[in-house]
C-alpha atoms as a PDB file:
ATOM      1  CA  UNK A   1     -33.365  10.486 114.896  1.00  0.00           C
ATOM      2  CA  UNK A   2     -32.470   7.476 116.735  1.00  0.00           C
ATOM      3  CA  UNK A   3     -29.261   5.393 116.218  1.00  0.00           C
ATOM      4  CA  UNK A   4     -27.437   3.038 119.042  1.00  0.00           C
ATOM      5  CA  UNK A   5     -24.387   3.737 120.365  1.00  0.00           C
ATOM      6  CA  UNK A   6     -21.721   1.313 121.792  1.00  0.00           C
ATOM      7  CA  UNK A   7     -22.575  -1.757 123.592  1.00  0.00           C
ATOM      8  CA  UNK A   8     -24.860  -2.136 125.821  1.00  0.00           C
ATOM      9  CA  UNK A   9     -27.041   1.031 127.649  1.00  0.00           C
ATOM     10  CA  UNK A  10     -23.892   1.807 129.562  1.00  0.00           C
ATOM     11  CA  UNK A  11     -22.727   3.138 126.710  1.00  0.00           C
ATOM     12  CA  UNK A  12     -25.242   5.090 126.870  1.00  0.00           C
ATOM     13  CA  UNK A  13     -25.252   5.785 129.559  1.00  0.00           C
ATOM     14  CA  UNK A  14     -21.833   6.723 129.482  1.00  0.00           C
ATOM     15  CA  UNK A  15     -21.884   8.999 126.496  1.00  0.00           C
ATOM     16  CA  UNK A  16     -25.128  11.180 127.286  1.00  0.00           C
ATOM     17  CA  UNK A  17     -23.188  11.736 130.724  1.00  0.00           C
ATOM     18  CA  UNK A  18     -20.526  12.845 128.251  1.00  0.00           C
ATOM     19  CA  UNK A  19     -22.552  15.633 126.374  1.00  0.00           C
ATOM     20  CA  UNK A  20     -22.238  19.791 127.228  1.00  0.00           C
ATOM     21  CA  UNK A  21     -24.036  21.426 125.235  1.00  0.00           C
ATOM     22  CA  UNK A  22     -26.359  19.015 124.504  1.00  0.00           C
ATOM     23  CA  UNK A  23     -29.611  18.951 127.863  1.00  0.00           C
ATOM     24  CA  UNK A  24     -30.247  14.936 128.672  1.00  0.00           C
ATOM     25  CA  UNK A  25     -34.743  14.969 128.529  1.00  0.00           C
ATOM     26  CA  UNK A  26     -37.678  13.559 127.454  1.00  0.00           C
ATOM     27  CA  UNK A  27     -39.200  16.641 127.173  1.00  0.00           C
ATOM     28  CA  UNK A  28     -38.973  20.585 127.648  1.00  0.00           C
ATOM     29  CA  UNK A  29     -41.898  21.304 125.414  1.00  0.00           C
ATOM     30  CA  UNK A  30     -38.503  24.234 124.568  1.00  0.00           C
ATOM     31  CA  UNK A  31     -35.797  24.137 121.270  1.00  0.00           C
ATOM     32  CA  UNK A  32     -33.400  23.301 122.556  1.00  0.00           C
ATOM     33  CA  UNK A  33     -31.542  20.139 121.503  1.00  0.00           C
ATOM     34  CA  UNK A  34     -32.606  17.340 124.413  1.00  0.00           C
ATOM     35  CA  UNK A  35     -31.275  13.799 124.279  1.00  0.00           C
ATOM     36  CA  UNK A  36     -32.481  10.386 126.106  1.00  0.00           C
ATOM     37  CA  UNK A  37     -32.187   6.480 127.034  1.00  0.00           C
ATOM     38  CA  UNK A  38     -35.945   5.282 125.291  1.00  0.00           C
ATOM     39  CA  UNK A  39     -35.814   1.595 126.860  1.00  0.00           C
ATOM     40  CA  UNK A  40     -35.659   3.580 129.682  1.00  0.00           C
ATOM     41  CA  UNK A  41     -38.202   6.171 129.720  1.00  0.00           C
ATOM     42  CA  UNK A  42     -41.455   5.896 127.360  1.00  0.00           C
ATOM     43  CA  UNK A  43     -40.367   2.746 126.471  1.00  0.00           C
ATOM     44  CA  UNK A  44     -40.369   1.714 130.250  1.00  0.00           C
ATOM     45  CA  UNK A  45     -43.163  -0.086 130.692  1.00  0.00           C
ATOM     46  CA  UNK A  46     -42.927  -2.023 127.546  1.00  0.00           C
ATOM     47  CA  UNK A  47     -41.882  -6.379 126.875  1.00  0.00           C
ATOM     48  CA  UNK A  48     -38.744  -6.055 125.830  1.00  0.00           C
ATOM     49  CA  UNK A  49     -40.005  -8.216 123.106  1.00  0.00           C
ATOM     50  CA  UNK A  50     -42.636  -5.708 122.112  1.00  0.00           C
ATOM     51  CA  UNK A  51     -39.637  -3.089 122.521  1.00  0.00           C
ATOM     52  CA  UNK A  52     -37.403  -4.362 120.050  1.00  0.00           C
ATOM     53  CA  UNK A  53     -40.336  -4.974 117.808  1.00  0.00           C
ATOM     54  CA  UNK A  54     -39.564  -0.729 117.234  1.00  0.00           C
ATOM     55  CA  UNK A  55     -35.749  -0.838 117.018  1.00  0.00           C
ATOM     56  CA  UNK A  56     -35.488   0.803 120.930  1.00  0.00           C
ATOM     57  CA  UNK A  57     -32.183  -1.436 122.250  1.00  0.00           C
ATOM     58  CA  UNK A  58     -30.713  -0.859 125.169  1.00  0.00           C
ATOM     59  CA  UNK A  59     -28.498   1.569 124.033  1.00  0.00           C
ATOM     60  CA  UNK A  60     -30.637   3.856 121.411  1.00  0.00           C
ATOM     61  CA  UNK A  61     -30.458   7.439 122.086  1.00  0.00           C
ATOM     62  CA  UNK A  62     -32.956   9.467 120.841  1.00  0.00           C
ATOM     63  CA  UNK A  63     -32.020  12.934 119.466  1.00  0.00           C
ATOM     64  CA  UNK A  64     -34.402  15.840 119.364  1.00  0.00           C
ATOM     65  CA  UNK A  65     -32.779  18.274 117.290  1.00  0.00           C
ATOM     66  CA  UNK A  66     -33.230  22.041 118.528  1.00  0.00           C
ATOM     67  CA  UNK A  67     -32.171  25.716 117.466  1.00  0.00           C
ATOM     68  CA  UNK A  68     -28.315  25.342 118.694  1.00  0.00           C
ATOM     69  CA  UNK A  69     -25.861  26.650 115.595  1.00  0.00           C
ATOM     70  CA  UNK A  70     -25.582  22.439 113.478  1.00  0.00           C
ATOM     71  CA  UNK A  71     -22.443  22.776 113.827  1.00  0.00           C
ATOM     72  CA  UNK A  72     -22.143  23.527 118.130  1.00  0.00           C
ATOM     73  CA  UNK A  73     -24.501  19.937 117.956  1.00  0.00           C
ATOM     74  CA  UNK A  74     -22.269  17.749 115.618  1.00  0.00           C
ATOM     75  CA  UNK A  75     -19.168  19.251 117.887  1.00  0.00           C
ATOM     76  CA  UNK A  76     -20.929  18.479 121.492  1.00  0.00           C
ATOM     77  CA  UNK A  77     -22.008  14.753 119.783  1.00  0.00           C
ATOM     78  CA  UNK A  78     -18.533  14.227 118.287  1.00  0.00           C
ATOM     79  CA  UNK A  79     -16.472  14.154 121.871  1.00  0.00           C
ATOM     80  CA  UNK A  80     -19.287  12.501 123.336  1.00  0.00           C
ATOM     81  CA  UNK A  81     -18.965   9.122 121.003  1.00  0.00           C
ATOM     82  CA  UNK A  82     -15.321  10.228 121.615  1.00  0.00           C
ATOM     83  CA  UNK A  83     -14.839   9.724 125.394  1.00  0.00           C
ATOM     84  CA  UNK A  84     -16.564   5.748 124.646  1.00  0.00           C
END
């Protein structure tokens, strides 16, 4: 899933720094919950106008859910967002 965090890329980066359980990575091929900023990873080499066609903004965060307990994932997301 993907969602926008805050107003700009710095807000998205701060959100990721605030995470304690969720890993900042594009893909590990494992079962952990992962988060990344697609604007800086998969979409990095596309021109900005092409990125927006896909709905990707500088503050869009992609979350790939793993097998951790749902309550733990939600708690981590909530605490990271509250730190903005």
